[in-house]
Amino acid sequence: MAASKVAVVTGAAGGIGSNMSKVLISKGYHVVLADIDAEAGAKTQATLGSSSLFVHCDLADWSSQAAMFKKAFEWHGRIDVCVANAGIDEKERFYNPPDVDQQPQKPNMKVIDVDLLAVIYGLRLFRYYWRKSGVAGLGKMIITSSMAGIYAFPAAPVYSAAKHGIVGLVRASSFKLLRSESITINTICPGPVDTGISEQMKKVVPAENFTPMSVVLDAFEKFVEEDVTGQVAEASNKRFYLRQPVEYSDGNSEFLIEDMKRFLS
């Protein structure tokens, strides 16, 4: 069994993912860089050196992601951390008026496939390989969501739905994953981070409202180093905040949700 811990980071060819990978390598991890951009991924691996391994992967495709995890496990015989960071924006305008002279067309749901479905795939695969690793301690699942996963985001409602789904997944699964599988699961919800953001976005959002990379990485390090679970870190323009779920409206709703936990023990 390899002594060095192994982390899988998706969307690792650049931006937030490559910065998270640097943090992990600085802590002694070997890091698998998973990304659909083969050219950028190879360049990032060359920059990060022998502690990294780039694996080309279409995360929205189960077979592709499963093959990536298999290769990651075979590299050093274990996977300790999964960072589901990859994400995309909406691929078509939600509010485009329908053409009543034509039949409705199937919408482009790639944002759901990548931002939510691929994360669920990743969690299932990580659970399998964490158990297969057979090491002591806690496995760590860390997901990049968005402020649009905490607040309604009318400019991109399908993207917002996907990111809300991540927050729900983290909060709903954390109890059972920790108790039964020794896995913590947390999410980081940043505002816009200046990592290749379009010039149009920069014109709309003032510079002082961007989330600094350092704030995202502060939240990330907390989730790597500490044994907290089910946490939602809103990364704002100066610091991050751990956001709590909404309060129960009354005893009935609390009973219906909390009482279900007894069936999970």
C-alpha atoms as a PDB file:
ATOM      1  CA  MET A   1       0.000   0.000   0.000  1.00  0.00           C
ATOM      2  CA  ALA A   2       1.406   3.375  -1.008  1.00  0.00           C
ATOM      3  CA  ALA A   3       2.168   5.714   1.897  1.00  0.00           C
ATOM      4  CA  SER A   4       1.404   8.923   0.014  1.00  0.00           C
ATOM      5  CA  LYS A   5      -2.227   9.917  -0.160  1.00  0.00           C
ATOM      6  CA  VAL A   6      -3.883  10.285  -3.555  1.00  0.00           C
ATOM      7  CA  ALA A   7      -6.440  12.883  -4.605  1.00  0.00           C
ATOM      8  CA  VAL A   8      -8.562  13.092  -7.739  1.00  0.00           C
ATOM      9  CA  VAL A   9      -9.308  16.646  -8.881  1.00  0.00           C
ATOM     10  CA  THR A  10     -11.730  17.238 -11.741  1.00  0.00           C
ATOM     11  CA  GLY A  11     -11.612  20.329 -13.913  1.00  0.00           C
ATOM     12  CA  ALA A  12      -7.937  20.413 -12.957  1.00  0.00           C
ATOM     13  CA  ALA A  13      -6.421  21.679 -16.208  1.00  0.00           C
ATOM     14  CA  GLY A  14      -6.666  25.288 -15.056  1.00  0.00           C
ATOM     15  CA  GLY A  15      -8.420  27.799 -12.852  1.00  0.00           C
ATOM     16  CA  ILE A  16      -9.697  26.726  -9.448  1.00  0.00           C
ATOM     17  CA  GLY A  17      -8.912  23.059 -10.084  1.00  0.00           C
ATOM     18  CA  SER A  18      -5.232  23.563 -10.856  1.00  0.00           C
ATOM     19  CA  ASN A  19      -4.869  25.805  -7.798  1.00  0.00           C
ATOM     20  CA  MET A  20      -6.514  23.190  -5.591  1.00  0.00           C
ATOM     21  CA  SER A  21      -4.135  20.621  -7.050  1.00  0.00           C
ATOM     22  CA  LYS A  22      -1.150  22.781  -6.099  1.00  0.00           C
ATOM     23  CA  VAL A  23      -2.425  22.977  -2.524  1.00  0.00           C
ATOM     24  CA  LEU A  24      -2.770  19.207  -2.320  1.00  0.00           C
ATOM     25  CA  ILE A  25       0.702  18.594  -3.741  1.00  0.00           C
ATOM     26  CA  SER A  26       2.149  21.038  -1.205  1.00  0.00           C
ATOM     27  CA  LYS A  27       0.580  18.841   1.493  1.00  0.00           C
ATOM     28  CA  GLY A  28       2.249  15.711   0.147  1.00  0.00           C
ATOM     29  CA  TYR A  29      -0.547  14.299  -1.983  1.00  0.00           C
ATOM     30  CA  HIS A  30      -0.195  12.675  -5.371  1.00  0.00           C
ATOM     31  CA  VAL A  31      -2.871  14.286  -7.538  1.00  0.00           C
ATOM     32  CA  VAL A  32      -4.753  12.921 -10.534  1.00  0.00           C
ATOM     33  CA  LEU A  33      -5.706  15.803 -12.819  1.00  0.00           C
ATOM     34  CA  ALA A  34      -8.945  14.944 -14.628  1.00  0.00           C
ATOM     35  CA  ASP A  35     -10.155  17.196 -17.416  1.00  0.00           C
ATOM     36  CA  ILE A  36     -11.712  17.109 -20.872  1.00  0.00           C
ATOM     37  CA  ASP A  37      -9.107  19.595 -22.171  1.00  0.00           C
ATOM     38  CA  ALA A  38      -6.203  17.312 -23.076  1.00  0.00           C
ATOM     39  CA  GLU A  39      -3.795  20.047 -24.162  1.00  0.00           C
ATOM     40  CA  ALA A  40      -4.262  22.207 -21.066  1.00  0.00           C
ATOM     41  CA  GLY A  41      -4.208  19.138 -18.831  1.00  0.00           C
ATOM     42  CA  ALA A  42      -0.868  17.985 -20.194  1.00  0.00           C
ATOM     43  CA  LYS A  43       0.590  21.455 -19.661  1.00  0.00           C
ATOM     44  CA  THR A  44      -0.652  21.539 -16.073  1.00  0.00           C
ATOM     45  CA  GLN A  45       0.878  18.129 -15.378  1.00  0.00           C
ATOM     46  CA  ALA A  46       4.195  19.337 -16.795  1.00  0.00           C
ATOM     47  CA  THR A  47       4.042  22.350 -14.487  1.00  0.00           C
ATOM     48  CA  LEU A  48       3.106  20.381 -11.364  1.00  0.00           C
ATOM     49  CA  GLY A  49       5.634  17.626 -11.952  1.00  0.00           C
ATOM     50  CA  SER A  50       5.866  13.966 -10.983  1.00  0.00           C
ATOM     51  CA  SER A  51       3.384  14.256  -8.113  1.00  0.00           C
ATOM     52  CA  SER A  52       0.636  14.739 -10.694  1.00  0.00           C
ATOM     53  CA  LEU A  53      -0.906  12.549 -13.377  1.00  0.00           C
ATOM     54  CA  PHE A  54      -3.195  13.901 -16.077  1.00  0.00           C
ATOM     55  CA  VAL A  55      -6.059  11.689 -17.237  1.00  0.00           C
ATOM     56  CA  HIS A  56      -8.274  12.847 -20.082  1.00  0.00           C
ATOM     57  CA  CYS A  57     -11.899  12.394 -19.078  1.00  0.00           C
ATOM     58  CA  ASP A  58     -15.431  13.312 -20.107  1.00  0.00           C
ATOM     59  CA  LEU A  59     -16.951  13.478 -16.645  1.00  0.00           C
ATOM     60  CA  ALA A  60     -20.528  13.475 -17.918  1.00  0.00           C
ATOM     61  CA  ASP A  61     -19.909  10.042 -19.451  1.00  0.00           C
ATOM     62  CA  TRP A  62     -20.061   7.284 -16.824  1.00  0.00           C
ATOM     63  CA  SER A  63     -17.675   4.964 -18.656  1.00  0.00           C
ATOM     64  CA  SER A  64     -15.096   7.707 -19.134  1.00  0.00           C
ATOM     65  CA  GLN A  65     -15.228   8.792 -15.508  1.00  0.00           C
ATOM     66  CA  ALA A  66     -15.116   5.191 -14.281  1.00  0.00           C
ATOM     67  CA  ALA A  67     -12.021   4.545 -16.406  1.00  0.00           C
ATOM     68  CA  MET A  68     -10.379   7.666 -14.970  1.00  0.00           C
ATOM     69  CA  PHE A  69     -10.989   6.535 -11.388  1.00  0.00           C
ATOM     70  CA  LYS A  70      -9.659   3.065 -12.205  1.00  0.00           C
ATOM     71  CA  LYS A  71      -6.450   4.567 -13.573  1.00  0.00           C
ATOM     72  CA  ALA A  72      -6.200   6.875 -10.555  1.00  0.00           C
ATOM     73  CA  PHE A  73      -6.475   3.941  -8.175  1.00  0.00           C
ATOM     74  CA  GLU A  74      -3.942   1.861 -10.083  1.00  0.00           C
ATOM     75  CA  TRP A  75      -1.399   4.706  -9.903  1.00  0.00           C
ATOM     76  CA  HIS A  76      -0.710   4.283  -6.168  1.00  0.00           C
ATOM     77  CA  GLY A  77      -3.268   1.750  -4.960  1.00  0.00           C
ATOM     78  CA  ARG A  78      -5.510   4.196  -3.115  1.00  0.00           C
ATOM     79  CA  ILE A  79      -7.740   7.266  -3.437  1.00  0.00           C
ATOM     80  CA  ASP A  80      -8.154   9.395  -0.312  1.00  0.00           C
ATOM     81  CA  VAL A  81      -9.702  12.615  -1.592  1.00  0.00           C
ATOM     82  CA  CYS A  82     -12.065  13.464  -4.436  1.00  0.00           C
ATOM     83  CA  VAL A  83     -12.416  17.091  -5.485  1.00  0.00           C
ATOM     84  CA  ALA A  84     -15.380  17.418  -7.851  1.00  0.00           C
ATOM     85  CA  ASN A  85     -14.547  20.845  -9.189  1.00  0.00           C
ATOM     86  CA  ALA A  86     -15.438  20.717 -12.887  1.00  0.00           C
ATOM     87  CA  GLY A  87     -18.366  22.813 -14.004  1.00  0.00           C
ATOM     88  CA  ILE A  88     -19.782  24.635 -17.001  1.00  0.00           C
ATOM     89  CA  ASP A  89     -22.294  27.400 -17.674  1.00  0.00           C
ATOM     90  CA  GLU A  90     -25.658  27.037 -19.381  1.00  0.00           C
ATOM     91  CA  LYS A  91     -25.324  26.232 -23.087  1.00  0.00           C
ATOM     92  CA  GLU A  92     -28.506  27.904 -24.275  1.00  0.00           C
ATOM     93  CA  ARG A  93     -30.578  30.841 -23.133  1.00  0.00           C
ATOM     94  CA  PHE A  94     -33.350  29.647 -20.842  1.00  0.00           C
ATOM     95  CA  TYR A  95     -35.578  32.629 -21.596  1.00  0.00           C
ATOM     96  CA  ASN A  96     -35.466  32.491 -25.397  1.00  0.00           C
ATOM     97  CA  PRO A  97     -39.110  32.780 -26.496  1.00  0.00           C
ATOM     98  CA  PRO A  98     -40.468  29.586 -28.075  1.00  0.00           C
ATOM     99  CA  ASP A  99     -41.138  29.630 -31.800  1.00  0.00           C
ATOM    100  CA  VAL A 100     -44.825  28.761 -32.014  1.00  0.00           C
ATOM    101  CA  ASP A 101     -44.430  27.914 -35.700  1.00  0.00           C
ATOM    102  CA  GLN A 102     -42.215  24.912 -34.848  1.00  0.00           C
ATOM    103  CA  GLN A 103     -42.465  21.944 -32.517  1.00  0.00           C
ATOM    104  CA  PRO A 104     -40.600  22.364 -29.208  1.00  0.00           C
ATOM    105  CA  GLN A 105     -37.034  21.074 -29.329  1.00  0.00           C
ATOM    106  CA  LYS A 106     -35.290  19.134 -26.576  1.00  0.00           C
ATOM    107  CA  PRO A 107     -33.266  21.600 -24.478  1.00  0.00           C
ATOM    108  CA  ASN A 108     -29.507  21.378 -24.065  1.00  0.00           C
ATOM    109  CA  MET A 109     -29.047  19.931 -20.560  1.00  0.00           C
ATOM    110  CA  LYS A 110     -25.257  19.684 -20.604  1.00  0.00           C
ATOM    111  CA  VAL A 111     -25.040  21.952 -17.559  1.00  0.00           C
ATOM    112  CA  ILE A 112     -27.028  19.392 -15.539  1.00  0.00           C
ATOM    113  CA  ASP A 113     -24.917  16.543 -16.927  1.00  0.00           C
ATOM    114  CA  VAL A 114     -21.615  18.158 -15.942  1.00  0.00           C
ATOM    115  CA  ASP A 115     -22.496  20.219 -12.876  1.00  0.00           C
ATOM    116  CA  LEU A 116     -24.733  17.703 -11.097  1.00  0.00           C
ATOM    117  CA  LEU A 117     -24.940  14.270 -12.707  1.00  0.00           C
ATOM    118  CA  ALA A 118     -21.161  13.961 -13.121  1.00  0.00           C
ATOM    119  CA  VAL A 119     -20.697  14.853  -9.447  1.00  0.00           C
ATOM    120  CA  ILE A 120     -23.088  12.085  -8.410  1.00  0.00           C
ATOM    121  CA  TYR A 121     -21.107   9.706 -10.635  1.00  0.00           C
ATOM    122  CA  GLY A 122     -17.917  10.877  -8.954  1.00  0.00           C
ATOM    123  CA  LEU A 123     -19.281  10.364  -5.464  1.00  0.00           C
ATOM    124  CA  ARG A 124     -20.336   6.814  -6.274  1.00  0.00           C
ATOM    125  CA  LEU A 125     -16.938   6.005  -7.772  1.00  0.00           C
ATOM    126  CA  PHE A 126     -15.057   7.633  -4.910  1.00  0.00           C
ATOM    127  CA  ARG A 127     -17.022   5.623  -2.347  1.00  0.00           C
ATOM    128  CA  TYR A 128     -16.052   2.432  -4.155  1.00  0.00           C
ATOM    129  CA  TYR A 129     -12.343   3.226  -4.401  1.00  0.00           C
ATOM    130  CA  TRP A 130     -12.137   4.677  -0.897  1.00  0.00           C
ATOM    131  CA  ARG A 131     -13.464   1.386   0.467  1.00  0.00           C
ATOM    132  CA  LYS A 132     -11.159  -0.561  -1.840  1.00  0.00           C
ATOM    133  CA  SER A 133      -8.193   1.479  -0.565  1.00  0.00           C
ATOM    134  CA  GLY A 134      -8.648  -0.040   2.889  1.00  0.00           C
ATOM    135  CA  VAL A 135      -6.802   2.719   4.739  1.00  0.00           C
ATOM    136  CA  ALA A 136      -7.512   4.263   8.133  1.00  0.00           C
ATOM    137  CA  GLY A 137      -8.895   7.739   8.636  1.00  0.00           C
ATOM    138  CA  LEU A 138     -11.486   9.660   6.692  1.00  0.00           C
ATOM    139  CA  GLY A 139     -12.029   9.962   2.970  1.00  0.00           C
ATOM    140  CA  LYS A 140     -12.743  13.511   1.832  1.00  0.00           C
ATOM    141  CA  MET A 141     -15.210  14.571  -0.884  1.00  0.00           C
ATOM    142  CA  ILE A 142     -15.083  18.285  -1.692  1.00  0.00           C
ATOM    143  CA  ILE A 143     -17.340  19.789  -4.354  1.00  0.00           C
ATOM    144  CA  THR A 144     -17.215  23.175  -6.031  1.00  0.00           C
ATOM    145  CA  SER A 145     -20.735  24.584  -6.208  1.00  0.00           C
ATOM    146  CA  SER A 146     -21.539  28.294  -6.540  1.00  0.00           C
ATOM    147  CA  MET A 147     -23.264  31.184  -4.813  1.00  0.00           C
ATOM    148  CA  ALA A 148     -25.997  30.306  -7.318  1.00  0.00           C
ATOM    149  CA  GLY A 149     -26.421  27.107  -5.304  1.00  0.00           C
ATOM    150  CA  ILE A 150     -27.350  29.121  -2.213  1.00  0.00           C
ATOM    151  CA  TYR A 151     -29.269  32.009  -3.752  1.00  0.00           C
ATOM    152  CA  ALA A 152     -31.720  32.078  -6.643  1.00  0.00           C
ATOM    153  CA  PHE A 153     -29.844  33.161  -9.781  1.00  0.00           C
ATOM    154  CA  PRO A 154     -32.394  34.363 -12.358  1.00  0.00           C
ATOM    155  CA  ALA A 155     -29.724  34.972 -15.024  1.00  0.00           C
ATOM    156  CA  ALA A 156     -29.052  31.216 -15.301  1.00  0.00           C
ATOM    157  CA  PRO A 157     -31.855  29.212 -13.654  1.00  0.00           C
ATOM    158  CA  VAL A 158     -30.826  25.757 -14.893  1.00  0.00           C
ATOM    159  CA  TYR A 159     -27.235  26.344 -13.749  1.00  0.00           C
ATOM    160  CA  SER A 160     -28.662  27.533 -10.430  1.00  0.00           C
ATOM    161  CA  ALA A 161     -30.772  24.372 -10.175  1.00  0.00           C
ATOM    162  CA  ALA A 162     -27.693  22.195 -10.707  1.00  0.00           C
ATOM    163  CA  LYS A 163     -25.701  24.069  -8.078  1.00  0.00           C
ATOM    164  CA  HIS A 164     -28.609  23.945  -5.612  1.00  0.00           C
ATOM    165  CA  GLY A 165     -28.593  20.203  -6.255  1.00  0.00           C
ATOM    166  CA  ILE A 166     -24.988  20.017  -5.061  1.00  0.00           C
ATOM    167  CA  VAL A 167     -25.843  21.783  -1.808  1.00  0.00           C
ATOM    168  CA  GLY A 168     -28.759  19.397  -1.280  1.00  0.00           C
ATOM    169  CA  LEU A 169     -26.593  16.363  -2.035  1.00  0.00           C
ATOM    170  CA  VAL A 170     -23.943  17.434   0.466  1.00  0.00           C
ATOM    171  CA  ARG A 171     -26.369  18.139   3.280  1.00  0.00           C
ATOM    172  CA  ALA A 172     -28.534  15.083   2.675  1.00  0.00           C
ATOM    173  CA  SER A 173     -25.739  12.520   2.311  1.00  0.00           C
ATOM    174  CA  SER A 174     -23.271  13.726   4.952  1.00  0.00           C
ATOM    175  CA  PHE A 175     -24.853  11.955   7.942  1.00  0.00           C
ATOM    176  CA  LYS A 176     -24.839   8.478   6.419  1.00  0.00           C
ATOM    177  CA  LEU A 177     -21.528   8.813   4.560  1.00  0.00           C
ATOM    178  CA  LEU A 178     -19.658   9.715   7.733  1.00  0.00           C
ATOM    179  CA  ARG A 179     -21.333   7.144   9.941  1.00  0.00           C
ATOM    180  CA  SER A 180     -21.202   4.182   7.569  1.00  0.00           C
ATOM    181  CA  GLU A 181     -18.320   4.891   5.183  1.00  0.00           C
ATOM    182  CA  SER A 182     -15.951   7.260   7.033  1.00  0.00           C
ATOM    183  CA  ILE A 183     -16.315   9.910   4.325  1.00  0.00           C
ATOM    184  CA  THR A 184     -16.767  13.629   4.858  1.00  0.00           C
ATOM    185  CA  ILE A 185     -18.512  15.640   2.154  1.00  0.00           C
ATOM    186  CA  ASN A 186     -18.513  19.432   1.898  1.00  0.00           C
ATOM    187  CA  THR A 187     -18.996  22.094  -0.760  1.00  0.00           C
ATOM    188  CA  ILE A 188     -17.536  25.493  -1.610  1.00  0.00           C
ATOM    189  CA  CYS A 189     -19.839  28.103  -3.146  1.00  0.00           C
ATOM    190  CA  PRO A 190     -17.836  30.979  -4.652  1.00  0.00           C
ATOM    191  CA  GLY A 191     -18.980  33.991  -6.578  1.00  0.00           C
ATOM    192  CA  PRO A 192     -17.227  34.700  -9.892  1.00  0.00           C
ATOM    193  CA  VAL A 193     -13.501  33.950  -9.699  1.00  0.00           C
ATOM    194  CA  ASP A 194     -11.204  35.564 -12.261  1.00  0.00           C
ATOM    195  CA  THR A 195      -9.962  32.420 -13.992  1.00  0.00           C
ATOM    196  CA  GLY A 196     -10.391  33.101 -17.670  1.00  0.00           C
ATOM    197  CA  ILE A 197     -13.761  34.787 -17.208  1.00  0.00           C
ATOM    198  CA  SER A 198     -15.016  36.497 -20.342  1.00  0.00           C
ATOM    199  CA  GLU A 199     -14.490  40.196 -20.910  1.00  0.00           C
ATOM    200  CA  GLN A 200     -18.275  40.561 -21.046  1.00  0.00           C
ATOM    201  CA  MET A 201     -18.572  39.223 -17.488  1.00  0.00           C
ATOM    202  CA  LYS A 202     -15.861  41.600 -16.309  1.00  0.00           C
ATOM    203  CA  LYS A 203     -17.872  44.490 -17.729  1.00  0.00           C
ATOM    204  CA  VAL A 204     -20.960  43.391 -15.808  1.00  0.00           C
ATOM    205  CA  VAL A 205     -19.352  42.506 -12.456  1.00  0.00           C
ATOM    206  CA  PRO A 206     -17.117  45.123 -10.773  1.00  0.00           C
ATOM    207  CA  ALA A 207     -13.650  43.856  -9.859  1.00  0.00           C
ATOM    208  CA  GLU A 208     -14.289  44.310  -6.138  1.00  0.00           C
ATOM    209  CA  ASN A 209     -17.169  41.826  -6.302  1.00  0.00           C
ATOM    210  CA  PHE A 210     -15.104  38.930  -7.614  1.00  0.00           C
ATOM    211  CA  THR A 211     -14.178  36.140  -5.205  1.00  0.00           C
ATOM    212  CA  PRO A 212     -10.383  36.046  -4.735  1.00  0.00           C
ATOM    213  CA  MET A 213      -8.780  32.666  -5.374  1.00  0.00           C
ATOM    214  CA  SER A 214      -7.236  32.894  -1.898  1.00  0.00           C
ATOM    215  CA  VAL A 215     -10.688  32.832  -0.265  1.00  0.00           C
ATOM    216  CA  VAL A 216     -11.694  29.727  -2.225  1.00  0.00           C
ATOM    217  CA  LEU A 217      -8.452  28.017  -1.215  1.00  0.00           C
ATOM    218  CA  ASP A 218      -8.916  28.969   2.448  1.00  0.00           C
ATOM    219  CA  ALA A 219     -12.241  27.119   2.459  1.00  0.00           C
ATOM    220  CA  PHE A 220     -10.684  24.252   0.523  1.00  0.00           C
ATOM    221  CA  GLU A 221      -7.855  23.828   3.031  1.00  0.00           C
ATOM    222  CA  LYS A 222     -10.371  23.757   5.879  1.00  0.00           C
ATOM    223  CA  PHE A 223     -12.212  20.861   4.271  1.00  0.00           C
ATOM    224  CA  VAL A 224      -8.984  19.001   3.480  1.00  0.00           C
ATOM    225  CA  GLU A 225      -7.494  19.401   6.955  1.00  0.00           C
ATOM    226  CA  GLU A 226     -10.534  19.254   9.253  1.00  0.00           C
ATOM    227  CA  ASP A 227     -13.033  16.464   9.860  1.00  0.00           C
ATOM    228  CA  VAL A 228     -16.168  18.574   9.393  1.00  0.00           C
ATOM    229  CA  THR A 229     -18.924  17.305   7.139  1.00  0.00           C
ATOM    230  CA  GLY A 230     -22.131  18.514   5.526  1.00  0.00           C
ATOM    231  CA  GLN A 231     -20.783  22.058   5.404  1.00  0.00           C
ATOM    232  CA  VAL A 232     -21.549  24.714   2.792  1.00  0.00           C
ATOM    233  CA  ALA A 233     -18.860  27.397   2.531  1.00  0.00           C
ATOM    234  CA  GLU A 234     -19.962  30.567   0.783  1.00  0.00           C
ATOM    235  CA  ALA A 235     -16.780  32.165  -0.588  1.00  0.00           C
ATOM    236  CA  SER A 236     -17.450  35.892  -0.856  1.00  0.00           C
ATOM    237  CA  ASN A 237     -15.186  38.752  -1.892  1.00  0.00           C
ATOM    238  CA  LYS A 238     -13.294  38.962   1.416  1.00  0.00           C
ATOM    239  CA  ARG A 239     -13.813  35.716   3.357  1.00  0.00           C
ATOM    240  CA  PHE A 240     -15.832  32.526   3.460  1.00  0.00           C
ATOM    241  CA  TYR A 241     -18.890  31.831   5.596  1.00  0.00           C
ATOM    242  CA  LEU A 242     -20.243  28.461   6.718  1.00  0.00           C
ATOM    243  CA  ARG A 243     -23.912  28.650   5.794  1.00  0.00           C
ATOM    244  CA  GLN A 244     -26.494  26.712   7.772  1.00  0.00           C
ATOM    245  CA  PRO A 245     -29.678  25.094   6.398  1.00  0.00           C
ATOM    246  CA  VAL A 246     -32.944  26.971   6.757  1.00  0.00           C
ATOM    247  CA  GLU A 247     -34.667  26.452  10.089  1.00  0.00           C
ATOM    248  CA  TYR A 248     -37.566  24.025  10.330  1.00  0.00           C
ATOM    249  CA  SER A 249     -40.874  25.853  10.111  1.00  0.00           C
ATOM    250  CA  ASP A 250     -42.429  23.700  12.826  1.00  0.00           C
ATOM    251  CA  GLY A 251     -42.094  20.443  14.721  1.00  0.00           C
ATOM    252  CA  ASN A 252     -43.803  18.449  11.992  1.00  0.00           C
ATOM    253  CA  SER A 253     -41.240  19.239   9.293  1.00  0.00           C
ATOM    254  CA  GLU A 254     -38.406  18.631  11.762  1.00  0.00           C
ATOM    255  CA  PHE A 255     -39.839  15.246  12.701  1.00  0.00           C
ATOM    256  CA  LEU A 256     -40.386  14.166   9.100  1.00  0.00           C
ATOM    257  CA  ILE A 257     -36.769  14.945   8.145  1.00  0.00           C
ATOM    258  CA  GLU A 258     -34.835  14.151  11.306  1.00  0.00           C
ATOM    259  CA  ASP A 259     -36.754  10.985  12.170  1.00  0.00           C
ATOM    260  CA  MET A 260     -35.680   9.412   8.881  1.00  0.00           C
ATOM    261  CA  LYS A 261     -32.100   9.293  10.176  1.00  0.00           C
ATOM    262  CA  ARG A 262     -32.978   6.362  12.428  1.00  0.00           C
ATOM    263  CA  PHE A 263     -33.427   4.223   9.336  1.00  0.00           C
ATOM    264  CA  LEU A 264     -29.897   5.089   8.184  1.00  0.00           C
ATOM    265  CA  SER A 265     -27.982   4.003  11.284  1.00  0.00           C
END
